[in-house]
């Protein structure tokens, strides 16, 4: 599943780093914290490895 925005890709990268023990889990906030808690390392790798070119910086949630 590719990331839909640059922000989502960055959050997945932060969560992946914490899941691997490279950064502290306590430093995570918002989306990256919930991604860390709810996704597997493989799912985070897929999101974090998405290319940023052509992606919007931010995508609003649909109501």
C-alpha atoms as a PDB file:
ATOM      1  CA  UNK A   1       0.000   0.000   0.000  1.00  0.00           C
ATOM      2  CA  UNK A   2       1.773   3.190  -1.111  1.00  0.00           C
ATOM      3  CA  UNK A   3       1.608   6.382   0.923  1.00  0.00           C
ATOM      4  CA  UNK A   4      -0.939   8.942  -0.269  1.00  0.00           C
ATOM      5  CA  UNK A   5       1.066  11.988   0.829  1.00  0.00           C
ATOM      6  CA  UNK A   6       4.533  13.081   1.848  1.00  0.00           C
ATOM      7  CA  UNK A   7       3.344  13.555   5.438  1.00  0.00           C
ATOM      8  CA  UNK A   8       2.064   9.968   5.589  1.00  0.00           C
ATOM      9  CA  UNK A   9       5.378   8.688   4.226  1.00  0.00           C
ATOM     10  CA  UNK A  10       7.356  10.676   6.799  1.00  0.00           C
ATOM     11  CA  UNK A  11       5.151   9.478   9.675  1.00  0.00           C
ATOM     12  CA  UNK A  12       5.603   5.876   8.558  1.00  0.00           C
ATOM     13  CA  UNK A  13       9.370   6.376   8.470  1.00  0.00           C
ATOM     14  CA  UNK A  14       9.371   7.722  12.024  1.00  0.00           C
ATOM     15  CA  UNK A  15       7.206   4.836  13.250  1.00  0.00           C
ATOM     16  CA  UNK A  16       9.426   2.313  11.487  1.00  0.00           C
ATOM     17  CA  UNK A  17      12.524   3.804  13.100  1.00  0.00           C
ATOM     18  CA  UNK A  18      10.950   3.447  16.543  1.00  0.00           C
ATOM     19  CA  UNK A  19       9.749  -0.096  15.809  1.00  0.00           C
ATOM     20  CA  UNK A  20      13.336  -1.063  14.905  1.00  0.00           C
ATOM     21  CA  UNK A  21      14.659   0.540  18.097  1.00  0.00           C
ATOM     22  CA  UNK A  22      16.600   3.277  16.305  1.00  0.00           C
ATOM     23  CA  UNK A  23      14.607   6.055  18.012  1.00  0.00           C
ATOM     24  CA  UNK A  24      12.581   6.221  21.200  1.00  0.00           C
ATOM     25  CA  UNK A  25       8.869   5.388  21.043  1.00  0.00           C
ATOM     26  CA  UNK A  26       8.261   8.241  23.489  1.00  0.00           C
ATOM     27  CA  UNK A  27       9.421  10.712  20.823  1.00  0.00           C
ATOM     28  CA  UNK A  28       6.540   9.747  18.496  1.00  0.00           C
ATOM     29  CA  UNK A  29       3.459  11.961  18.238  1.00  0.00           C
ATOM     30  CA  UNK A  30       0.175  11.886  16.354  1.00  0.00           C
ATOM     31  CA  UNK A  31       0.000   9.711  13.262  1.00  0.00           C
ATOM     32  CA  UNK A  32       3.430   8.157  13.708  1.00  0.00           C
ATOM     33  CA  UNK A  33       2.509   6.996  17.232  1.00  0.00           C
ATOM     34  CA  UNK A  34      -0.736   5.385  16.080  1.00  0.00           C
ATOM     35  CA  UNK A  35       1.052   3.792  13.100  1.00  0.00           C
ATOM     36  CA  UNK A  36       3.667   2.329  15.443  1.00  0.00           C
ATOM     37  CA  UNK A  37       0.965   0.825  17.642  1.00  0.00           C
ATOM     38  CA  UNK A  38      -1.263  -0.554  14.893  1.00  0.00           C
ATOM     39  CA  UNK A  39       0.971  -1.593  11.988  1.00  0.00           C
ATOM     40  CA  UNK A  40       3.572  -4.293  11.427  1.00  0.00           C
ATOM     41  CA  UNK A  41       7.157  -3.541  10.461  1.00  0.00           C
ATOM     42  CA  UNK A  42       6.485  -4.844   6.935  1.00  0.00           C
ATOM     43  CA  UNK A  43       3.461  -2.528   6.491  1.00  0.00           C
ATOM     44  CA  UNK A  44       5.492   0.438   7.727  1.00  0.00           C
ATOM     45  CA  UNK A  45       8.320  -0.441   5.322  1.00  0.00           C
ATOM     46  CA  UNK A  46       5.874  -0.371   2.401  1.00  0.00           C
ATOM     47  CA  UNK A  47       4.556   3.071   3.359  1.00  0.00           C
ATOM     48  CA  UNK A  48       7.956   4.528   4.193  1.00  0.00           C
ATOM     49  CA  UNK A  49       9.551   3.321   0.947  1.00  0.00           C
ATOM     50  CA  UNK A  50       7.012   5.151  -1.233  1.00  0.00           C
ATOM     51  CA  UNK A  51       8.611   7.696  -3.540  1.00  0.00           C
ATOM     52  CA  UNK A  52       7.729  11.303  -2.658  1.00  0.00           C
ATOM     53  CA  UNK A  53       7.898  12.644  -6.195  1.00  0.00           C
ATOM     54  CA  UNK A  54       4.435  13.637  -7.390  1.00  0.00           C
ATOM     55  CA  UNK A  55       2.818  13.201  -3.970  1.00  0.00           C
ATOM     56  CA  UNK A  56       0.993  16.102  -2.326  1.00  0.00           C
ATOM     57  CA  UNK A  57       2.501  17.323   0.921  1.00  0.00           C
ATOM     58  CA  UNK A  58      -0.734  16.726   2.821  1.00  0.00           C
ATOM     59  CA  UNK A  59      -4.081  15.086   2.069  1.00  0.00           C
ATOM     60  CA  UNK A  60      -7.181  16.025   4.053  1.00  0.00           C
ATOM     61  CA  UNK A  61      -9.461  13.314   5.407  1.00  0.00           C
ATOM     62  CA  UNK A  62     -12.736  12.857   3.579  1.00  0.00           C
ATOM     63  CA  UNK A  63     -15.839  13.562   5.680  1.00  0.00           C
END
